[in-house]
Amino acid sequence: MRQFVPRPSLSLALLGSIVLLSSCATLSKQECLVGDWQAIGYNDGVAGYPSDRLASHAKACAKASVAPNYLAWERGRQLGLKQYCTTSNAYNVGRRGRQLNNVCPLTLANTLQTANQKGLDYYALESQLDKDKRLIETYQEEFDKLESGAMLNFANEKEARARLLSLADELRKAKRRMNTTQRQLEALNQSNSY
């Protein structure tokens, strides 16, 4: 009969999961007790959180028997939203690959969405560029091995040679695509006013 012996790595993984789950609260007990609701609201506004974020704070602070101060929190959030609802921030949010949250005044919506879309376009181009760089490295490594005579996983020399020829073509295509993407990024950078 085998005896169960707990492994340290399993115990650490379980402990890490428990810590991660307990850290899902929006505020710590200490933050609830200090209760600087205007500062908490300001930070939420700068991060672009909607007004229902306060319900999450109320739930987190209920454990500490603390109720949020809605007026102070909303006053701070409105101040924070002035930082969030700028064209430069909308662009930067897009550059991180994220959509702008729908928390800004309607009068700014079109301008902010345009800036956010330009950031998202930049993000997509950068992601494509990174993908192509990795692909070229992989192709080049395989090409170099085949060119030096390695058979890799091919059954015969004819298959290896055919792959070598197709790799040369794929390398050229990937390099052309990468150059085009770089030019598009440069053009986007030059037209960027954010």
Protein backbone atom coordinates (compact mmCIF):
# COMPACT_ATOMS: atom_id res chain seq x y z
CA MET A 1 0.00 0.00 0.00
CA ARG A 2 1.38 3.39 -1.03
CA GLN A 3 1.45 6.12 1.53
CA PHE A 4 0.56 9.68 0.50
CA VAL A 5 3.44 12.07 1.04
CA PRO A 6 2.59 15.73 0.38
CA ARG A 7 4.97 17.34 -2.09
CA PRO A 8 6.24 20.86 -1.32
CA SER A 9 5.45 22.06 -4.85
CA LEU A 10 1.83 20.93 -4.54
CA SER A 11 1.50 22.60 -1.14
CA LEU A 12 2.95 25.83 -2.52
CA ALA A 13 0.59 25.76 -5.50
CA LEU A 14 -2.41 25.24 -3.22
CA LEU A 15 -1.28 28.04 -0.91
CA GLY A 16 -0.75 30.35 -3.91
CA SER A 17 -4.27 29.61 -5.15
CA ILE A 18 -5.77 30.42 -1.75
CA VAL A 19 -3.85 33.71 -1.58
CA LEU A 20 -4.89 34.59 -5.13
CA LEU A 21 -8.55 33.89 -4.42
CA SER A 22 -8.51 35.93 -1.22
CA SER A 23 -6.89 38.85 -3.03
CA CYS A 24 -9.89 39.27 -5.36
CA ALA A 25 -11.39 41.91 -3.03
CA THR A 26 -11.20 45.40 -4.48
CA LEU A 27 -9.96 46.88 -1.19
CA SER A 28 -8.01 45.56 1.76
CA LYS A 29 -9.40 45.67 5.29
CA GLN A 30 -6.91 48.44 6.08
CA GLU A 31 -8.08 50.54 3.10
CA CYS A 32 -11.67 50.10 4.24
CA LEU A 33 -10.82 51.16 7.80
CA VAL A 34 -8.87 54.24 6.67
CA GLY A 35 -11.76 55.06 4.36
CA ASP A 36 -10.32 57.82 2.19
CA TRP A 37 -13.24 57.43 -0.18
CA GLN A 38 -12.43 60.43 -2.33
CA ALA A 39 -8.93 59.06 -3.00
CA ILE A 40 -10.37 55.59 -3.68
CA GLY A 41 -12.89 57.14 -6.07
CA TYR A 42 -10.17 59.17 -7.77
CA ASN A 43 -8.08 56.04 -8.37
CA ASP A 44 -11.14 54.24 -9.74
CA GLY A 45 -11.86 57.18 -12.05
CA VAL A 46 -8.28 57.32 -13.37
CA ALA A 47 -8.58 53.57 -14.08
CA GLY A 48 -11.88 54.14 -15.93
CA TYR A 49 -14.12 52.11 -13.64
CA PRO A 50 -17.89 52.58 -13.95
CA SER A 51 -20.03 53.62 -11.00
CA ASP A 52 -20.95 50.02 -10.17
CA ARG A 53 -17.39 49.60 -8.87
CA LEU A 54 -18.62 51.03 -5.56
CA ALA A 55 -20.79 47.92 -5.03
CA SER A 56 -17.61 45.79 -5.18
CA HIS A 57 -15.97 48.07 -2.61
CA ALA A 58 -19.04 47.83 -0.36
CA LYS A 59 -18.85 44.04 -0.53
CA ALA A 60 -15.12 44.07 0.27
CA CYS A 61 -15.58 46.48 3.19
CA ALA A 62 -18.61 44.66 4.66
CA LYS A 63 -16.14 42.18 6.15
CA ALA A 64 -14.61 45.07 8.08
CA SER A 65 -18.08 46.47 8.99
CA VAL A 66 -17.36 49.64 6.98
CA ALA A 67 -19.83 51.27 4.59
CA PRO A 68 -18.48 53.37 1.69
CA ASN A 69 -19.12 57.11 1.52
CA TYR A 70 -20.82 57.35 -1.87
CA LEU A 71 -20.65 61.15 -2.22
CA ALA A 72 -16.92 61.36 -1.44
CA TRP A 73 -16.19 58.36 -3.67
CA GLU A 74 -18.18 59.72 -6.62
CA ARG A 75 -16.60 63.19 -6.23
CA GLY A 76 -13.16 61.56 -6.41
CA ARG A 77 -14.17 59.31 -9.31
CA GLN A 78 -15.38 62.30 -11.33
CA LEU A 79 -12.01 64.00 -10.77
CA GLY A 80 -10.23 60.81 -11.84
CA LEU A 81 -12.40 60.49 -14.95
CA LYS A 82 -11.07 63.86 -16.10
CA GLN A 83 -7.67 62.14 -16.34
CA TYR A 84 -9.10 59.00 -17.93
CA CYS A 85 -11.26 60.79 -20.52
CA THR A 86 -8.44 62.44 -22.48
CA THR A 87 -7.37 61.69 -26.03
CA SER A 88 -3.84 60.83 -24.95
CA ASN A 89 -5.11 58.33 -22.38
CA ALA A 90 -7.61 56.85 -24.87
CA TYR A 91 -4.73 56.35 -27.31
CA ASN A 92 -2.49 54.80 -24.62
CA VAL A 93 -5.26 52.44 -23.51
CA GLY A 94 -5.51 51.30 -27.14
CA ARG A 95 -1.73 50.88 -27.38
CA ARG A 96 -2.05 48.36 -24.55
CA GLY A 97 -4.62 46.47 -26.66
CA ARG A 98 -7.66 47.51 -24.66
CA GLN A 99 -10.91 49.25 -25.52
CA LEU A 100 -11.73 52.45 -23.69
CA ASN A 101 -14.39 51.91 -21.02
CA ASN A 102 -17.72 53.57 -21.65
CA VAL A 103 -17.51 56.06 -18.76
CA CYS A 104 -16.72 59.34 -20.52
CA PRO A 105 -19.13 62.17 -21.42
CA LEU A 106 -21.03 61.65 -24.68
CA THR A 107 -19.67 64.94 -26.00
CA LEU A 108 -16.16 63.40 -26.04
CA ALA A 109 -17.16 59.93 -27.23
CA ASN A 110 -16.25 60.27 -30.94
CA THR A 111 -12.93 61.98 -30.29
CA LEU A 112 -11.94 59.46 -27.63
CA GLN A 113 -13.01 56.46 -29.72
CA THR A 114 -10.95 57.74 -32.66
CA ALA A 115 -7.88 58.09 -30.42
CA ASN A 116 -8.49 54.68 -28.86
CA GLN A 117 -8.85 53.07 -32.32
CA LYS A 118 -5.53 54.58 -33.44
CA GLY A 119 -3.93 53.07 -30.33
CA LEU A 120 -5.56 49.71 -31.08
CA ASP A 121 -4.28 49.91 -34.67
CA TYR A 122 -0.78 50.54 -33.37
CA TYR A 123 -1.11 47.61 -30.96
CA ALA A 124 -2.27 45.31 -33.78
CA LEU A 125 0.67 46.34 -35.99
CA GLU A 126 3.17 45.85 -33.16
CA SER A 127 1.67 42.43 -32.41
CA GLN A 128 1.93 41.45 -36.08
CA LEU A 129 5.52 42.65 -36.18
CA ASP A 130 6.42 40.56 -33.11
CA LYS A 131 4.65 37.53 -34.57
CA ASP A 132 6.52 37.90 -37.87
CA LYS A 133 9.88 38.29 -36.09
CA ARG A 134 9.32 35.04 -34.20
CA LEU A 135 8.16 33.30 -37.37
CA ILE A 136 11.24 34.45 -39.28
CA GLU A 137 13.51 33.21 -36.49
CA THR A 138 11.79 29.81 -36.56
CA TYR A 139 11.95 29.59 -40.37
CA GLN A 140 15.59 30.71 -40.42
CA GLU A 141 16.59 28.12 -37.84
CA GLU A 142 14.90 25.34 -39.80
CA PHE A 143 16.35 26.66 -43.07
CA ASP A 144 19.89 26.71 -41.65
CA LYS A 145 19.58 23.12 -40.37
CA LEU A 146 18.23 21.84 -43.68
CA GLU A 147 20.86 23.74 -45.65
CA SER A 148 23.62 22.18 -43.56
CA GLY A 149 22.35 18.71 -44.51
CA ALA A 150 20.20 17.80 -41.52
CA MET A 151 17.22 15.63 -42.44
CA LEU A 152 15.12 16.75 -39.45
CA ASN A 153 11.92 14.65 -39.51
CA PHE A 154 11.81 14.09 -43.25
CA ALA A 155 11.74 10.56 -44.63
CA ASN A 156 14.20 11.25 -47.44
CA GLU A 157 16.46 13.87 -48.98
CA LYS A 158 13.88 14.80 -51.64
CA GLU A 159 11.33 15.85 -48.97
CA ALA A 160 13.98 17.79 -47.03
CA ARG A 161 15.08 19.62 -50.19
CA ALA A 162 11.46 20.47 -51.09
CA ARG A 163 10.94 21.93 -47.62
CA LEU A 164 14.18 23.92 -47.94
CA LEU A 165 12.93 25.47 -51.18
CA SER A 166 9.49 26.29 -49.73
CA LEU A 167 11.12 27.76 -46.62
CA ALA A 168 13.14 30.19 -48.73
CA ASP A 169 9.89 31.45 -50.26
CA GLU A 170 8.13 31.66 -46.88
CA LEU A 171 11.08 33.58 -45.44
CA ARG A 172 10.89 36.14 -48.26
CA LYS A 173 7.13 36.59 -47.77
CA ALA A 174 7.46 37.00 -44.00
CA LYS A 175 10.28 39.55 -44.41
CA ARG A 176 8.23 41.55 -46.94
CA ARG A 177 5.23 41.51 -44.60
CA MET A 178 7.44 42.62 -41.72
CA ASN A 179 8.86 45.52 -43.76
CA THR A 180 5.34 46.60 -44.75
CA THR A 181 4.22 46.46 -41.11
CA GLN A 182 7.23 48.52 -40.03
CA ARG A 183 6.41 51.18 -42.64
CA GLN A 184 2.80 51.26 -41.43
CA LEU A 185 3.98 51.70 -37.83
CA GLU A 186 6.28 54.55 -38.85
CA ALA A 187 3.45 56.25 -40.76
CA LEU A 188 1.15 55.86 -37.76
CA ASN A 189 3.82 57.35 -35.50
CA GLN A 190 4.26 60.35 -37.80
CA SER A 191 0.51 61.00 -38.01
CA ASN A 192 0.03 60.56 -34.26
CA SER A 193 -0.79 63.77 -32.42
CA TYR A 194 -1.33 62.12 -29.04
